[in-house]
Amino acid sequence: MGLFDFLGKLYNKLKPVLAPFEWVGKKAAFAVNTLLLTAVYFTVFGATAIIAKLLKKKFMEVSPDKAAKSYWMERKKEDYSKKETYRGY
């Protein structure tokens, strides 16, 4: 009988005792993760939005132009070598 067999049997016997702690731990982790991720989201995107508004930066053209036939924007075609094509990174 090895160490892992012993620990497996011990865990199986203690599982009913540890179940309430596991339940509380999962609920606490969910609450903390939700709180932290919400704070980070609003801090990062809020700061970005405030800085963009102060600098009058527009990330997208949102005003319609009735004279425009299309909103398609052509990309500049750049020449590249065969070596750059096969280079993965």
Protein backbone atom coordinates (compact mmCIF):
# COMPACT_ATOMS: atom_id res chain seq x y z
CA MET A 1 0.00 0.00 0.00
CA GLY A 2 1.57 3.21 -1.19
CA LEU A 3 1.30 6.74 0.00
CA PHE A 4 -1.18 7.75 -2.71
CA ASP A 5 -3.46 4.82 -1.88
CA PHE A 6 -3.47 5.93 1.74
CA LEU A 7 -4.16 9.57 0.85
CA GLY A 8 -6.94 8.52 -1.53
CA LYS A 9 -8.66 6.47 1.16
CA LEU A 10 -8.20 9.26 3.71
CA TYR A 11 -9.73 11.78 1.29
CA ASN A 12 -12.72 9.51 0.64
CA LYS A 13 -13.35 9.22 4.39
CA LEU A 14 -13.01 12.98 4.97
CA LYS A 15 -15.07 13.98 1.91
CA PRO A 16 -18.37 14.39 3.83
CA VAL A 17 -16.60 16.54 6.42
CA LEU A 18 -14.88 18.70 3.78
CA ALA A 19 -17.97 19.17 1.54
CA PRO A 20 -19.36 22.22 3.41
CA PHE A 21 -15.95 23.92 3.31
CA GLU A 22 -15.72 23.25 -0.40
CA TRP A 23 -19.19 24.74 -0.96
CA VAL A 24 -18.33 27.88 1.02
CA GLY A 25 -15.00 28.15 -0.80
CA LYS A 26 -16.65 27.98 -4.21
CA LYS A 27 -19.21 30.64 -3.27
CA ALA A 28 -16.50 32.93 -1.86
CA ALA A 29 -14.31 32.43 -4.95
CA PHE A 30 -17.24 33.28 -7.23
CA ALA A 31 -18.00 36.47 -5.28
CA VAL A 32 -14.36 37.60 -5.13
CA ASN A 33 -13.73 36.85 -8.82
CA THR A 34 -16.88 38.68 -9.86
CA LEU A 35 -15.98 41.69 -7.74
CA LEU A 36 -12.36 41.83 -8.95
CA LEU A 37 -13.16 41.32 -12.61
CA THR A 38 -15.89 43.97 -12.49
CA ALA A 39 -13.52 46.44 -10.85
CA VAL A 40 -10.75 45.75 -13.38
CA TYR A 41 -13.17 45.98 -16.32
CA PHE A 42 -14.60 49.34 -15.32
CA THR A 43 -11.19 50.70 -14.30
CA VAL A 44 -9.51 49.78 -17.58
CA PHE A 45 -12.32 50.60 -19.99
CA GLY A 46 -13.48 53.59 -17.98
CA ALA A 47 -10.00 55.08 -17.97
CA THR A 48 -9.64 54.40 -21.68
CA ALA A 49 -12.96 56.08 -22.42
CA ILE A 50 -12.15 59.13 -20.29
CA ILE A 51 -8.71 59.56 -21.89
CA ALA A 52 -10.19 59.11 -25.37
CA LYS A 53 -12.85 61.74 -24.70
CA LEU A 54 -10.27 64.18 -23.32
CA LEU A 55 -8.10 63.69 -26.41
CA LYS A 56 -11.17 63.73 -28.70
CA LYS A 57 -10.17 60.38 -30.16
CA LYS A 58 -12.76 58.50 -32.21
CA PHE A 59 -12.11 54.82 -32.59
CA MET A 60 -14.93 54.37 -35.11
CA GLU A 61 -16.72 56.58 -37.56
CA VAL A 62 -20.27 56.46 -36.28
CA SER A 63 -21.91 59.39 -38.06
CA PRO A 64 -23.73 58.42 -41.26
CA ASP A 65 -22.77 60.07 -44.53
CA LYS A 66 -25.70 60.20 -46.98
CA ALA A 67 -23.41 61.10 -49.86
CA ALA A 68 -21.22 58.03 -49.41
CA LYS A 69 -21.92 55.05 -51.67
CA SER A 70 -20.18 52.67 -49.30
CA TYR A 71 -18.45 52.70 -45.93
CA TRP A 72 -15.81 50.28 -47.16
CA MET A 73 -12.27 51.45 -46.50
CA GLU A 74 -9.57 50.17 -48.87
CA ARG A 75 -6.41 48.82 -47.33
CA LYS A 76 -3.01 49.78 -48.63
CA LYS A 77 -1.44 46.87 -50.44
CA GLU A 78 2.09 46.32 -49.24
CA ASP A 79 4.68 44.29 -51.08
CA TYR A 80 6.24 41.51 -49.09
CA SER A 81 8.79 38.86 -49.84
CA LYS A 82 8.33 35.13 -50.06
CA LYS A 83 10.44 34.79 -46.91
CA GLU A 84 7.93 36.87 -44.92
CA THR A 85 5.10 34.68 -46.18
CA TYR A 86 6.67 31.50 -44.81
CA ARG A 87 7.87 33.09 -41.61
CA GLY A 88 5.29 32.04 -39.02
CA TYR A 89 6.04 34.59 -36.36
